[in-house]
Amino acid sequence: MNLSNLQVLVWKEGKYYVSQCLNVEVSSFGKTKDEAVKNLKEALELYFQDDHTVTKVEKPELISMPWSYA
């Protein structure tokens, strides 16, 4: 598995950065973007030690969705 082909999203949430792989259900966090991505890479290496499949993600798009709740 070549990890360079995975789609990763990084955003700031409070005082931490969150990194999430869009191809598999794996995420991590860190105090900096670099740390969040490094931690995600470690989590993905552990994830792929087992036989998991990868979903191909083509042209991901970040959109805002109106939402209201009670």
C-alpha atoms as a PDB file:
ATOM      1  CA  MET A   1       0.000   0.000   0.000  1.00  0.00           C
ATOM      2  CA  ASN A   2       1.383   3.364  -1.016  1.00  0.00           C
ATOM      3  CA  LEU A   3       0.196   5.884   1.574  1.00  0.00           C
ATOM      4  CA  SER A   4       0.945   8.798  -0.752  1.00  0.00           C
ATOM      5  CA  ASN A   5      -2.212   7.924  -2.718  1.00  0.00           C
ATOM      6  CA  LEU A   6      -4.573   8.482   0.211  1.00  0.00           C
ATOM      7  CA  GLN A   7      -6.753  11.595   0.510  1.00  0.00           C
ATOM      8  CA  VAL A   8      -6.301  13.363   3.869  1.00  0.00           C
ATOM      9  CA  LEU A   9      -8.273  16.257   5.318  1.00  0.00           C
ATOM     10  CA  VAL A  10      -6.784  18.434   8.092  1.00  0.00           C
ATOM     11  CA  TRP A  11      -8.593  21.098  10.108  1.00  0.00           C
ATOM     12  CA  LYS A  12      -8.246  22.964  13.393  1.00  0.00           C
ATOM     13  CA  GLU A  13     -10.664  22.023  16.153  1.00  0.00           C
ATOM     14  CA  GLY A  14     -10.150  24.015  19.336  1.00  0.00           C
ATOM     15  CA  LYS A  15      -6.445  23.972  20.166  1.00  0.00           C
ATOM     16  CA  TYR A  16      -5.685  20.802  18.149  1.00  0.00           C
ATOM     17  CA  TYR A  17      -5.476  19.882  14.477  1.00  0.00           C
ATOM     18  CA  VAL A  18      -7.479  16.870  13.321  1.00  0.00           C
ATOM     19  CA  SER A  19      -6.347  14.736  10.392  1.00  0.00           C
ATOM     20  CA  GLN A  20      -8.759  12.320   8.739  1.00  0.00           C
ATOM     21  CA  CYS A  21      -8.181   9.883   5.900  1.00  0.00           C
ATOM     22  CA  LEU A  22     -11.084  10.022   3.459  1.00  0.00           C
ATOM     23  CA  ASN A  23     -10.328   6.582   2.000  1.00  0.00           C
ATOM     24  CA  VAL A  24     -10.692   4.642   5.272  1.00  0.00           C
ATOM     25  CA  GLU A  25     -12.256   5.348   8.668  1.00  0.00           C
ATOM     26  CA  VAL A  26      -9.034   6.473  10.384  1.00  0.00           C
ATOM     27  CA  SER A  27      -8.285   9.826  12.001  1.00  0.00           C
ATOM     28  CA  SER A  28      -5.851  11.348  14.469  1.00  0.00           C
ATOM     29  CA  PHE A  29      -4.872  14.708  15.949  1.00  0.00           C
ATOM     30  CA  GLY A  30      -1.915  16.803  17.080  1.00  0.00           C
ATOM     31  CA  LYS A  31      -0.891  20.225  18.343  1.00  0.00           C
ATOM     32  CA  THR A  32       0.318  21.184  14.839  1.00  0.00           C
ATOM     33  CA  LYS A  33      -0.715  20.197  11.310  1.00  0.00           C
ATOM     34  CA  ASP A  34       2.535  18.290  10.869  1.00  0.00           C
ATOM     35  CA  GLU A  35       2.027  16.391  14.120  1.00  0.00           C
ATOM     36  CA  ALA A  36      -1.569  15.553  13.189  1.00  0.00           C
ATOM     37  CA  VAL A  37      -0.465  14.172   9.808  1.00  0.00           C
ATOM     38  CA  LYS A  38       2.447  12.254  11.377  1.00  0.00           C
ATOM     39  CA  ASN A  39       0.086  10.713  13.932  1.00  0.00           C
ATOM     40  CA  LEU A  40      -2.375   9.824  11.175  1.00  0.00           C
ATOM     41  CA  LYS A  41       0.378   8.093   9.220  1.00  0.00           C
ATOM     42  CA  GLU A  42       1.217   5.982  12.292  1.00  0.00           C
ATOM     43  CA  ALA A  43      -2.475   5.146  12.783  1.00  0.00           C
ATOM     44  CA  LEU A  44      -2.786   4.146   9.115  1.00  0.00           C
ATOM     45  CA  GLU A  45       0.276   1.910   9.357  1.00  0.00           C
ATOM     46  CA  LEU A  46      -1.388   0.070  12.265  1.00  0.00           C
ATOM     47  CA  TYR A  47      -4.710  -0.045  10.415  1.00  0.00           C
ATOM     48  CA  PHE A  48      -3.152  -1.582   7.317  1.00  0.00           C
ATOM     49  CA  GLN A  49      -1.351  -4.282   9.312  1.00  0.00           C
ATOM     50  CA  ASP A  50      -4.690  -6.070   9.041  1.00  0.00           C
ATOM     51  CA  ASP A  51      -6.286  -6.781   5.688  1.00  0.00           C
ATOM     52  CA  HIS A  52      -8.412  -3.677   5.050  1.00  0.00           C
ATOM     53  CA  THR A  53      -9.694  -2.341   1.759  1.00  0.00           C
ATOM     54  CA  VAL A  54      -9.297   1.206   0.499  1.00  0.00           C
ATOM     55  CA  THR A  55     -12.122   3.208  -1.021  1.00  0.00           C
ATOM     56  CA  LYS A  56     -11.129   5.355  -3.987  1.00  0.00           C
ATOM     57  CA  VAL A  57     -12.096   8.979  -3.421  1.00  0.00           C
ATOM     58  CA  GLU A  58     -12.321  11.134  -6.538  1.00  0.00           C
ATOM     59  CA  LYS A  59     -12.444  14.928  -6.424  1.00  0.00           C
ATOM     60  CA  PRO A  60     -13.526  15.485  -2.801  1.00  0.00           C
ATOM     61  CA  GLU A  61     -15.292  18.792  -2.290  1.00  0.00           C
ATOM     62  CA  LEU A  62     -15.705  20.719   0.943  1.00  0.00           C
ATOM     63  CA  ILE A  63     -19.202  22.207   1.180  1.00  0.00           C
ATOM     64  CA  SER A  64     -21.207  23.974   3.876  1.00  0.00           C
ATOM     65  CA  MET A  65     -24.537  22.451   4.762  1.00  0.00           C
ATOM     66  CA  PRO A  66     -27.207  24.413   6.664  1.00  0.00           C
ATOM     67  CA  TRP A  67     -28.145  22.556   9.825  1.00  0.00           C
ATOM     68  CA  SER A  68     -30.489  23.298  12.701  1.00  0.00           C
ATOM     69  CA  TYR A  69     -31.241  21.286  15.793  1.00  0.00           C
ATOM     70  CA  ALA A  70     -33.460  21.588  18.820  1.00  0.00           C
END
